[in-house]
Protein backbone atom coordinates (compact mmCIF):
# COMPACT_ATOMS: atom_id res chain seq x y z
CA UNK A 1 -24.16 30.78 -14.05
CA UNK A 2 -21.98 31.76 -10.74
CA UNK A 3 -18.94 33.57 -12.16
CA UNK A 4 -15.64 31.74 -11.25
CA UNK A 5 -13.26 33.45 -8.97
CA UNK A 6 -9.45 32.87 -8.17
CA UNK A 7 -10.08 33.22 -4.57
CA UNK A 8 -12.07 35.10 -1.69
CA UNK A 9 -10.92 35.79 1.61
CA UNK A 10 -11.25 38.16 4.46
CA UNK A 11 -7.97 40.34 4.40
CA UNK A 12 -4.80 39.67 2.36
CA UNK A 13 -2.78 41.82 4.71
CA UNK A 14 -2.95 39.14 7.29
CA UNK A 15 -0.54 37.02 5.20
CA UNK A 16 2.82 37.81 6.64
CA UNK A 17 1.30 36.69 10.12
CA UNK A 18 -0.06 33.63 8.76
CA UNK A 19 3.07 32.57 7.14
CA UNK A 20 5.09 32.99 10.41
CA UNK A 21 2.49 30.76 11.83
CA UNK A 22 2.94 28.03 9.30
CA UNK A 23 6.66 27.92 9.87
CA UNK A 24 6.10 27.19 13.23
CA UNK A 25 3.45 24.65 12.67
CA UNK A 26 5.90 22.87 10.15
CA UNK A 27 8.21 22.19 12.89
CA UNK A 28 5.27 20.56 14.73
CA UNK A 29 4.02 18.50 11.85
CA UNK A 30 6.92 15.97 11.25
CA UNK A 31 4.56 13.42 9.12
CA UNK A 32 3.82 15.88 6.51
CA UNK A 33 7.05 17.22 6.15
CA UNK A 34 8.68 13.74 6.10
CA UNK A 35 6.10 12.80 3.34
CA UNK A 36 7.17 16.08 1.27
CA UNK A 37 10.89 14.81 1.58
CA UNK A 38 9.91 11.24 0.60
CA UNK A 39 8.05 12.29 -2.52
CA UNK A 40 9.83 15.33 -3.41
CA UNK A 41 11.30 14.02 -6.74
CA UNK A 42 8.28 11.55 -7.80
CA UNK A 43 5.48 14.09 -7.40
CA UNK A 44 2.96 11.41 -7.12
CA UNK A 45 0.12 13.75 -7.17
CA UNK A 46 1.29 15.53 -10.26
CA UNK A 47 -1.63 16.40 -12.71
CA UNK A 48 -4.13 16.03 -10.13
CA UNK A 49 -6.77 18.79 -9.42
CA UNK A 50 -7.93 18.49 -5.81
CA UNK A 51 -11.04 20.36 -4.40
CA UNK A 52 -10.91 20.42 -0.56
CA UNK A 53 -13.75 21.21 2.03
CA UNK A 54 -11.96 21.11 5.18
CA UNK A 55 -11.24 23.69 8.20
CA UNK A 56 -8.99 26.41 6.79
CA UNK A 57 -6.61 26.86 9.42
CA UNK A 58 -2.79 27.20 9.93
CA UNK A 59 -2.46 23.36 10.03
CA UNK A 60 -4.64 22.91 6.97
CA UNK A 61 -2.17 25.29 5.29
CA UNK A 62 0.55 22.94 5.86
CA UNK A 63 -1.50 20.11 4.33
CA UNK A 64 -2.21 22.42 1.46
CA UNK A 65 1.37 23.13 0.65
CA UNK A 66 2.34 19.37 1.06
CA UNK A 67 -0.50 18.48 -1.60
CA UNK A 68 0.96 21.27 -3.79
CA UNK A 69 4.43 19.90 -3.31
CA UNK A 70 3.52 16.58 -4.27
CA UNK A 71 2.45 18.07 -7.51
CA UNK A 72 -1.24 18.79 -7.30
CA UNK A 73 -3.22 21.78 -8.15
CA UNK A 74 -5.48 23.11 -5.21
CA UNK A 75 -8.81 24.78 -4.87
CA UNK A 76 -10.11 24.99 -1.08
CA UNK A 77 -12.77 25.99 1.22
CA UNK A 78 -13.68 25.49 4.83
CA UNK A 79 -16.27 22.99 5.96
CA UNK A 80 -17.50 25.27 8.78
CA UNK A 81 -18.72 28.93 8.71
CA UNK A 82 -16.71 29.76 11.86
CA UNK A 83 -13.57 27.67 11.62
CA UNK A 84 -11.53 29.66 9.23
CA UNK A 85 -8.24 31.27 10.32
CA UNK A 86 -8.11 34.46 8.17
CA UNK A 87 -4.28 35.00 8.22
CA UNK A 88 -3.96 31.15 7.27
CA UNK A 89 -6.03 31.71 4.40
CA UNK A 90 -3.97 34.85 3.38
CA UNK A 91 -0.95 33.21 3.60
CA UNK A 92 -1.98 30.49 1.21
CA UNK A 93 -3.63 32.90 -1.40
CA UNK A 94 -0.30 35.24 -1.06
CA UNK A 95 1.98 32.37 -2.07
CA UNK A 96 -0.46 31.36 -4.52
CA UNK A 97 -0.37 27.93 -3.48
CA UNK A 98 -3.95 27.22 -3.76
CA UNK A 99 -7.20 29.02 -4.56
CA UNK A 100 -8.97 29.72 -1.27
CA UNK A 101 -12.79 30.59 -0.56
CA UNK A 102 -13.12 31.05 3.09
CA UNK A 103 -13.25 33.67 5.77
CA UNK A 104 -14.31 33.28 9.61
CA UNK A 105 -18.17 34.37 9.98
CA UNK A 106 -19.58 33.24 6.64
CA UNK A 107 -23.41 32.94 6.26
CA UNK A 108 -24.66 29.57 4.97
CA UNK A 109 -25.20 31.07 1.37
CA UNK A 110 -21.62 32.24 1.30
CA UNK A 111 -20.57 28.86 2.71
CA UNK A 112 -22.24 27.05 -0.19
CA UNK A 113 -20.85 29.66 -2.82
CA UNK A 114 -17.42 28.82 -1.48
CA UNK A 115 -17.97 25.16 -1.73
CA UNK A 116 -18.84 25.36 -5.18
CA UNK A 117 -15.98 27.77 -6.19
CA UNK A 118 -13.67 24.75 -5.26
CA UNK A 119 -15.04 22.90 -8.39
CA UNK A 120 -14.67 25.76 -10.94
CA UNK A 121 -11.26 25.17 -12.80
CA UNK A 122 -9.67 27.10 -15.60
CA UNK A 123 -10.45 25.89 -19.18
CA UNK A 124 -13.61 23.85 -17.81
CA UNK A 125 -11.44 21.08 -16.37
CA UNK A 126 -13.15 19.01 -13.84
CA UNK A 127 -11.83 18.09 -10.17
CA UNK A 128 -10.27 14.88 -9.96
CA UNK A 129 -10.04 14.40 -6.30
CA UNK A 130 -11.66 15.65 -3.13
CA UNK A 131 -10.48 16.21 0.38
CA UNK A 132 -13.64 16.31 2.39
CA UNK A 133 -14.57 16.86 6.07
CA UNK A 134 -18.18 16.00 7.06
CA UNK A 135 -18.76 15.20 3.25
CA UNK A 136 -20.26 18.56 2.54
CA UNK A 137 -18.50 18.80 -0.80
CA UNK A 138 -19.41 15.15 -1.60
CA UNK A 139 -23.04 15.98 -0.66
CA UNK A 140 -23.05 19.11 -3.04
CA UNK A 141 -21.99 16.87 -5.97
CA UNK A 142 -24.74 14.11 -5.42
CA UNK A 143 -27.45 16.60 -4.70
CA UNK A 144 -26.31 18.15 -7.77
CA UNK A 145 -26.50 15.08 -9.95
CA UNK A 146 -29.70 14.04 -8.65
CA UNK A 147 -31.19 17.45 -9.12
CA UNK A 148 -29.85 17.75 -12.62
CA UNK A 149 -31.49 14.37 -13.46
CA UNK A 150 -34.96 15.54 -12.16
CA UNK A 151 -34.59 18.82 -14.02
CA UNK A 152 -33.83 17.31 -17.21
CA UNK A 153 -36.81 14.61 -16.58
CA UNK A 154 -39.58 16.93 -15.13
CA UNK A 155 -38.36 20.39 -15.30
CA UNK A 156 -38.44 20.35 -11.36
CA UNK A 157 -35.79 22.32 -9.70
CA UNK A 158 -34.76 21.53 -5.79
CA UNK A 159 -37.35 22.58 -3.25
CA UNK A 160 -36.08 24.35 -0.14
CA UNK A 161 -39.57 23.91 1.52
CA UNK A 162 -39.50 20.01 1.24
CA UNK A 163 -37.08 19.84 4.17
CA UNK A 164 -37.64 21.11 7.96
CA UNK A 165 -36.93 24.50 8.86
CA UNK A 166 -34.36 23.58 11.20
CA UNK A 167 -32.19 22.29 8.46
CA UNK A 168 -30.81 25.68 7.43
CA UNK A 169 -27.72 24.12 5.89
CA UNK A 170 -29.74 21.97 3.50
CA UNK A 171 -32.16 24.68 2.78
CA UNK A 172 -29.38 27.08 2.01
CA UNK A 173 -27.75 24.18 -0.57
CA UNK A 174 -31.21 23.61 -2.18
CA UNK A 175 -31.67 27.10 -2.78
CA UNK A 176 -28.30 27.48 -4.29
CA UNK A 177 -28.93 24.39 -6.44
CA UNK A 178 -32.18 25.65 -7.73
CA UNK A 179 -30.28 28.93 -8.83
CA UNK A 180 -27.28 27.40 -10.80
CA UNK A 181 -28.83 24.10 -12.06
CA UNK A 182 -30.91 25.65 -15.10
CA UNK A 183 -27.48 27.61 -16.27
CA UNK A 184 -25.43 24.58 -16.65
CA UNK A 185 -27.75 21.58 -16.86
CA UNK A 186 -24.72 18.87 -16.90
CA UNK A 187 -22.17 20.27 -14.30
CA UNK A 188 -22.32 17.96 -11.44
CA UNK A 189 -22.82 15.05 -13.76
CA UNK A 190 -19.52 15.75 -15.94
CA UNK A 191 -17.67 15.87 -12.60
CA UNK A 192 -19.00 12.95 -11.10
CA UNK A 193 -18.34 10.92 -14.19
CA UNK A 194 -14.30 11.86 -14.05
CA UNK A 195 -14.05 12.19 -10.41
CA UNK A 196 -11.18 9.69 -8.99
CA UNK A 197 -12.24 9.67 -5.47
CA UNK A 198 -12.70 11.28 -1.97
CA UNK A 199 -10.77 10.91 1.28
CA UNK A 200 -13.12 11.85 4.15
CA UNK A 201 -11.86 13.26 7.18
CA UNK A 202 -14.27 12.84 10.29
CA UNK A 203 -16.65 10.43 11.79
CA UNK A 204 -20.11 11.96 10.69
CA UNK A 205 -18.85 12.27 7.34
CA UNK A 206 -17.98 8.73 6.97
CA UNK A 207 -21.24 7.69 8.37
CA UNK A 208 -22.94 9.84 5.80
CA UNK A 209 -20.90 8.19 2.82
CA UNK A 210 -21.23 4.57 4.26
CA UNK A 211 -25.42 4.77 4.25
CA UNK A 212 -24.90 6.34 0.80
CA UNK A 213 -22.66 3.29 -0.13
CA UNK A 214 -25.34 0.66 1.37
CA UNK A 215 -27.96 2.31 -0.74
CA UNK A 216 -25.89 1.96 -4.01
CA UNK A 217 -26.05 5.80 -4.24
CA UNK A 218 -22.40 6.60 -4.07
CA UNK A 219 -20.98 7.77 -7.52
CA UNK A 220 -17.24 7.45 -6.73
CA UNK A 221 -14.58 5.76 -4.47
CA UNK A 222 -13.98 7.03 -0.90
CA UNK A 223 -11.32 6.45 1.41
CA UNK A 224 -12.25 6.63 5.17
CA UNK A 225 -9.38 8.64 6.90
CA UNK A 226 -11.46 9.03 9.90
CA UNK A 227 -11.14 5.23 11.05
CA UNK A 228 -7.24 5.16 10.63
CA UNK A 229 -6.07 4.65 14.10
CA UNK A 230 -3.54 7.49 14.00
CA UNK A 231 -6.49 9.58 13.20
CA UNK A 232 -9.47 8.49 15.17
CA UNK A 233 -7.27 7.82 18.54
CA UNK A 234 -5.17 11.01 17.83
CA UNK A 235 -7.40 13.79 16.39
CA UNK A 236 -10.44 12.56 17.97
CA UNK A 237 -9.23 11.71 21.64
CA UNK A 238 -5.84 13.60 22.02
CA UNK A 239 -7.02 16.30 19.91
CA UNK A 240 -10.29 16.95 21.55
CA UNK A 241 -8.65 16.57 25.00
CA UNK A 242 -6.33 19.70 24.13
CA UNK A 243 -8.91 22.07 22.36
CA UNK A 244 -11.89 21.68 24.11
CA UNK A 245 -10.86 23.36 27.27
CA UNK A 246 -9.02 25.84 25.03
CA UNK A 247 -12.21 26.75 23.37
CA UNK A 248 -14.17 27.02 26.62
CA UNK A 249 -11.60 29.23 28.37
CA UNK A 250 -11.08 31.52 25.53
CA UNK A 251 -14.79 32.01 24.99
CA UNK A 252 -15.93 32.30 28.84
CA UNK A 253 -12.73 32.41 31.15
CA UNK A 254 -14.74 30.25 33.35
CA UNK A 255 -13.25 28.08 36.17
CA UNK A 256 -13.63 24.45 35.13
CA UNK A 257 -12.51 23.09 38.56
CA UNK A 258 -15.40 22.20 40.80
CA UNK A 259 -17.87 22.42 38.07
CA UNK A 260 -20.25 19.69 36.94
CA UNK A 261 -19.60 18.89 33.28
CA UNK A 262 -21.99 16.72 30.95
CA UNK A 263 -20.33 15.01 28.02
CA UNK A 264 -23.15 13.84 25.82
CA UNK A 265 -21.33 10.87 24.07
CA UNK A 266 -18.31 8.55 25.18
CA UNK A 267 -16.91 7.70 21.64
CA UNK A 268 -13.35 8.74 20.88
CA UNK A 269 -14.36 12.40 20.94
CA UNK A 270 -16.10 12.04 24.41
CA UNK A 271 -13.49 10.09 25.83
CA UNK A 272 -11.01 12.99 24.99
CA UNK A 273 -13.31 15.55 26.27
CA UNK A 274 -14.04 13.66 29.44
CA UNK A 275 -10.12 13.43 30.21
CA UNK A 276 -9.58 16.94 29.64
CA UNK A 277 -12.67 18.17 32.03
CA UNK A 278 -11.19 15.69 34.81
CA UNK A 279 -7.62 16.88 34.26
CA UNK A 280 -9.11 20.30 34.84
CA UNK A 281 -10.66 19.40 38.22
CA UNK A 282 -14.18 19.10 36.78
CA UNK A 283 -16.70 16.43 38.10
CA UNK A 284 -17.56 14.81 35.02
CA UNK A 285 -20.83 13.05 33.87
CA UNK A 286 -21.22 10.97 30.76
CA UNK A 287 -24.46 10.30 28.63
CA UNK A 288 -24.54 7.60 26.24
CA UNK A 289 -26.76 4.91 24.26
CA UNK A 290 -24.14 2.38 23.73
CA UNK A 291 -23.74 0.07 26.74
CA UNK A 292 -20.32 -0.67 25.80
CA UNK A 293 -19.41 2.85 25.81
CA UNK A 294 -21.26 3.43 28.79
CA UNK A 295 -19.49 0.43 30.87
CA UNK A 296 -16.20 1.90 29.67
CA UNK A 297 -17.17 5.33 31.15
CA UNK A 298 -17.98 3.79 34.23
CA UNK A 299 -14.74 1.86 34.46
CA UNK A 300 -12.82 5.17 33.93
CA UNK A 301 -14.87 6.53 37.07
CA UNK A 302 -17.47 8.61 35.42
CA UNK A 303 -20.87 8.86 36.32
CA UNK A 304 -23.46 7.70 33.55
CA UNK A 305 -26.69 9.67 33.57
CA UNK A 306 -29.14 10.91 31.30
CA UNK A 307 -29.49 14.52 29.82
CA UNK A 308 -32.45 14.73 31.54
CA UNK A 309 -31.39 13.88 35.18
CA UNK A 310 -28.28 16.26 34.90
CA UNK A 311 -29.89 19.24 33.00
CA UNK A 312 -30.88 21.26 36.13
CA UNK A 313 -27.82 20.57 38.17
CA UNK A 314 -24.89 20.85 35.83
CA UNK A 315 -22.64 23.93 34.71
CA UNK A 316 -21.37 22.79 31.49
CA UNK A 317 -22.74 20.79 28.83
CA UNK A 318 -20.65 19.40 25.86
CA UNK A 319 -22.42 17.23 22.79
CA UNK A 320 -20.15 15.16 21.40
CA UNK A 321 -22.33 12.50 19.75
CA UNK A 322 -22.46 12.98 16.24
CA UNK A 323 -26.37 12.75 16.24
CA UNK A 324 -29.03 15.32 16.50
CA UNK A 325 -31.47 16.96 18.98
CA UNK A 326 -29.16 15.72 21.93
CA UNK A 327 -29.96 19.27 23.83
CA UNK A 328 -33.15 20.52 23.36
CA UNK A 329 -34.73 23.92 24.03
CA UNK A 330 -36.79 22.04 26.69
CA UNK A 331 -33.57 21.03 28.24
CA UNK A 332 -32.10 24.55 28.18
CA UNK A 333 -35.03 26.17 29.86
CA UNK A 334 -34.44 24.10 32.86
CA UNK A 335 -30.72 24.77 33.39
CA UNK A 336 -29.47 26.80 35.98
CA UNK A 337 -28.38 30.48 35.20
CA UNK A 338 -25.22 30.85 32.80
CA UNK A 339 -24.90 27.07 32.28
CA UNK A 340 -22.61 26.66 29.20
CA UNK A 341 -23.67 24.87 26.21
CA UNK A 342 -21.31 23.72 23.38
CA UNK A 343 -20.65 21.15 20.67
CA UNK A 344 -17.61 19.32 19.46
CA UNK A 345 -19.50 17.11 16.95
CA UNK A 346 -18.86 17.93 13.39
CA UNK A 347 -22.52 19.35 12.55
CA UNK A 348 -24.67 21.92 14.25
CA UNK A 349 -27.81 19.72 15.02
CA UNK A 350 -26.74 18.33 18.47
CA UNK A 351 -27.84 21.40 19.95
CA UNK A 352 -31.52 22.52 19.18
CA UNK A 353 -30.67 26.02 17.87
CA UNK A 354 -33.92 26.26 15.91
CA UNK A 355 -35.82 25.65 19.15
CA UNK A 356 -34.02 28.22 21.12
CA UNK A 357 -34.32 31.00 18.43
CA UNK A 358 -38.12 30.05 18.27
CA UNK A 359 -38.73 29.97 22.21
CA UNK A 360 -41.49 32.42 23.06
CA UNK A 361 -40.20 35.56 24.76
CA UNK A 362 -36.47 34.48 24.58
CA UNK A 363 -33.74 36.99 23.81
CA UNK A 364 -30.19 36.75 22.44
CA UNK A 365 -27.58 38.91 23.89
CA UNK A 366 -24.18 38.70 22.10
CA UNK A 367 -21.17 38.88 24.51
CA UNK A 368 -18.43 38.33 21.90
CA UNK A 369 -17.84 36.79 18.55
CA UNK A 370 -19.45 33.23 18.78
CA UNK A 371 -20.43 33.57 22.22
CA UNK A 372 -24.14 34.51 23.29
CA UNK A 373 -26.35 34.32 26.09
CA UNK A 374 -29.93 33.40 25.41
CA UNK A 375 -32.34 35.08 27.94
CA UNK A 376 -35.43 33.21 28.94
CA UNK A 377 -38.46 35.04 29.92
CA UNK A 378 -38.08 34.30 33.64
CA UNK A 379 -34.69 36.06 33.50
CA UNK A 380 -32.00 33.38 33.59
CA UNK A 381 -29.90 32.61 30.83
CA UNK A 382 -27.85 30.10 29.16
CA UNK A 383 -24.48 30.59 27.44
CA UNK A 384 -24.21 29.09 23.92
CA UNK A 385 -20.88 28.71 22.06
CA UNK A 386 -20.21 28.90 18.34
CA UNK A 387 -23.82 28.95 17.74
CA UNK A 388 -23.90 25.13 18.28
CA UNK A 389 -21.21 24.32 15.83
CA UNK A 390 -17.60 23.34 16.68
CA UNK A 391 -16.62 25.08 19.90
CA UNK A 392 -12.88 24.07 19.39
CA UNK A 393 -12.66 25.89 16.16
CA UNK A 394 -15.40 28.62 16.49
CA UNK A 395 -14.00 29.83 19.93
CA UNK A 396 -10.20 28.68 19.67
CA UNK A 397 -7.66 27.44 17.04
CA UNK A 398 -8.98 23.71 16.84
CA UNK A 399 -6.56 20.79 17.47
CA UNK A 400 -2.76 21.59 17.76
CA UNK A 401 -0.48 20.94 14.87
CA UNK A 402 1.37 17.77 15.87
CA UNK A 403 -2.04 16.06 16.25
CA UNK A 404 -3.14 17.30 12.97
CA UNK A 405 -0.02 16.21 11.21
CA UNK A 406 -0.96 12.60 11.96
CA UNK A 407 -4.73 13.18 10.56
CA UNK A 408 -3.17 15.03 7.56
CA UNK A 409 -0.50 12.45 6.79
CA UNK A 410 -3.45 9.80 6.41
CA UNK A 411 -5.21 12.32 3.97
CA UNK A 412 -2.05 12.80 1.88
CA UNK A 413 -1.35 8.95 1.87
CA UNK A 414 -5.23 8.60 0.92
CA UNK A 415 -5.00 10.90 -1.88
CA UNK A 416 -1.88 9.45 -3.19
CA UNK A 417 -3.45 5.90 -3.15
CA UNK A 418 -6.31 7.09 -4.99
CA UNK A 419 -4.55 8.90 -7.69
CA UNK A 420 -1.98 6.16 -8.35
CA UNK A 421 -4.47 3.37 -8.25
CA UNK A 422 -6.80 5.20 -10.99
CA UNK A 423 -7.63 3.03 -13.97
CA UNK A 424 -6.71 -0.09 -12.06
CA UNK A 425 -9.97 -0.90 -11.00
CA UNK A 426 -8.74 -1.31 -7.54
CA UNK A 427 -11.47 0.96 -5.73
CA UNK A 428 -15.16 0.81 -6.77
CA UNK A 429 -18.25 2.73 -5.83
CA UNK A 430 -17.60 2.15 -2.10
CA UNK A 431 -15.93 3.32 1.16
CA UNK A 432 -12.46 1.82 2.00
CA UNK A 433 -10.09 1.93 5.00
CA UNK A 434 -6.38 2.87 4.31
CA UNK A 435 -4.14 -0.37 4.62
CA UNK A 436 -2.85 -1.03 8.13
CA UNK A 437 0.81 -0.69 7.08
CA UNK A 438 0.21 2.98 5.91
CA UNK A 439 -1.57 3.54 9.52
CA UNK A 440 1.68 2.41 10.94
CA UNK A 441 3.78 4.22 8.64
CA UNK A 442 2.06 7.44 9.94
CA UNK A 443 2.83 6.61 13.53
CA UNK A 444 6.52 5.94 12.65
CA UNK A 445 7.22 9.49 10.90
CA UNK A 446 5.97 10.81 14.35
CA UNK A 447 8.15 9.19 16.72
CA UNK A 448 11.52 10.41 16.11
CA UNK A 449 10.28 14.04 16.76
CA UNK A 450 9.11 12.68 20.40
CA UNK A 451 12.44 11.05 20.84
CA UNK A 452 10.92 7.48 20.77
CA UNK A 453 13.12 4.49 19.81
CA UNK A 454 11.11 1.57 18.50
CA UNK A 455 11.91 -2.24 19.54
CA UNK A 456 12.86 -4.39 16.64
CA UNK A 457 11.59 -7.87 16.58
CA UNK A 458 14.19 -10.61 16.01
CA UNK A 459 13.48 -13.02 13.33
CA UNK A 460 12.44 -15.71 15.87
CA UNK A 461 10.26 -13.44 17.74
CA UNK A 462 8.42 -12.51 14.51
CA UNK A 463 8.00 -16.24 13.57
CA UNK A 464 6.54 -16.85 17.09
CA UNK A 465 3.97 -13.98 16.33
CA UNK A 466 3.43 -15.19 12.87
CA UNK A 467 4.05 -11.45 11.39
CA UNK A 468 6.57 -9.69 9.07
CA UNK A 469 9.12 -8.04 11.51
CA UNK A 470 8.44 -4.95 9.58
CA UNK A 471 4.87 -4.96 10.36
CA UNK A 472 1.86 -4.65 10.29
CA UNK A 473 1.75 -5.75 14.02
CA UNK A 474 -1.83 -6.09 14.46
CA UNK A 475 -4.86 -7.37 12.86
CA UNK A 476 -7.21 -4.95 11.24
CA UNK A 477 -9.77 -5.80 13.96
CA UNK A 478 -7.52 -4.98 16.86
CA UNK A 479 -8.88 -2.26 19.12
CA UNK A 480 -6.36 0.08 20.13
């Protein structure tokens, strides 16, 4: 059995620096601080053991300490091998707010070890709630349960060779499960049986869990935090609008003005990215499969093209689709010298890194951490950022505190909703949205710090609209 640890981080001496930045971030995260004040006495998460798999940043540190102040015990890892801010991890460990298993630059075997550590509690207790981002922790439990059942029936263990060699994350996970399952044959089933639920942060994670629910494979309740308006429109649009250029500039110092930039995908993430690049003076092109999103892009003044058409002429490529195989090695071999290729979708399979690594005669020159120049046999190269993983977290510090306060306020309210509803039968083995009134509450918690003043409907106006004057103000189907 894998030995249980209290924490594993890079450098505890960074804690004082991390604490100073956490204190700055708290001022920029009014939603979380307001929730702390509201629930200071009632401690609605008292008794809950929360396992978290979400980028271990300064902003996440404020989330962790909010969960702790509301009564929870917390064990945490990062959901990306490059996204940990080591000073944030150190500050949390020094304060003993949570056990943390995360450092910037993990390898994949480290990553799954860290993920597993979040499930190991004192006295063989089990996790009650999960905060997930990309659904990797949830995936580990589900694959663990399936593997335990198969091992019990047939003696067969997970086979890493059963998946394509390009799926390095899955190969590493299956290797890990293969190692640990014989040593504790009922570990994952005991967790799944007792787990109250999960709050999931991101688009791709929600999609993964919804597909599991459709197939009746989901083992516990999930609250979809991503599709809260104050998450999707704020984190995905405004957060990416801020952090994409931040990542590009920190990584390359490239002049964006005048460049041709291709944004692959025009969902909420792509919209924020396109706005940012246009704001920097770039000539922006969009690729899309969805005719409605494509039409939106046209109406905003962007050129809608295909990757194949744009590949030889553009300077910067940004994938934001949440899908796979968007930019292939064949595309990159046709790009101009020193074209920049990066990804801001959650997983790392939008850019064909395996195809690039296996390209005959190619060489890789590391420029600096998370910046590589891949040189083709003809001598031209492309600059790939963060090895195809999230550029804003791999090459910069991710979204700013204020926008993450919106996202993480939804996370905390989702955790409270799951924990206080346990045993009532309110949530089954499915994916649920947070109620609209909580979405509006999160928005209200942030308005005062911006100096905004809401108009209050009169009774007559509320009756005319046919709504409660306190809200909700829009139907669930309303598109903001």
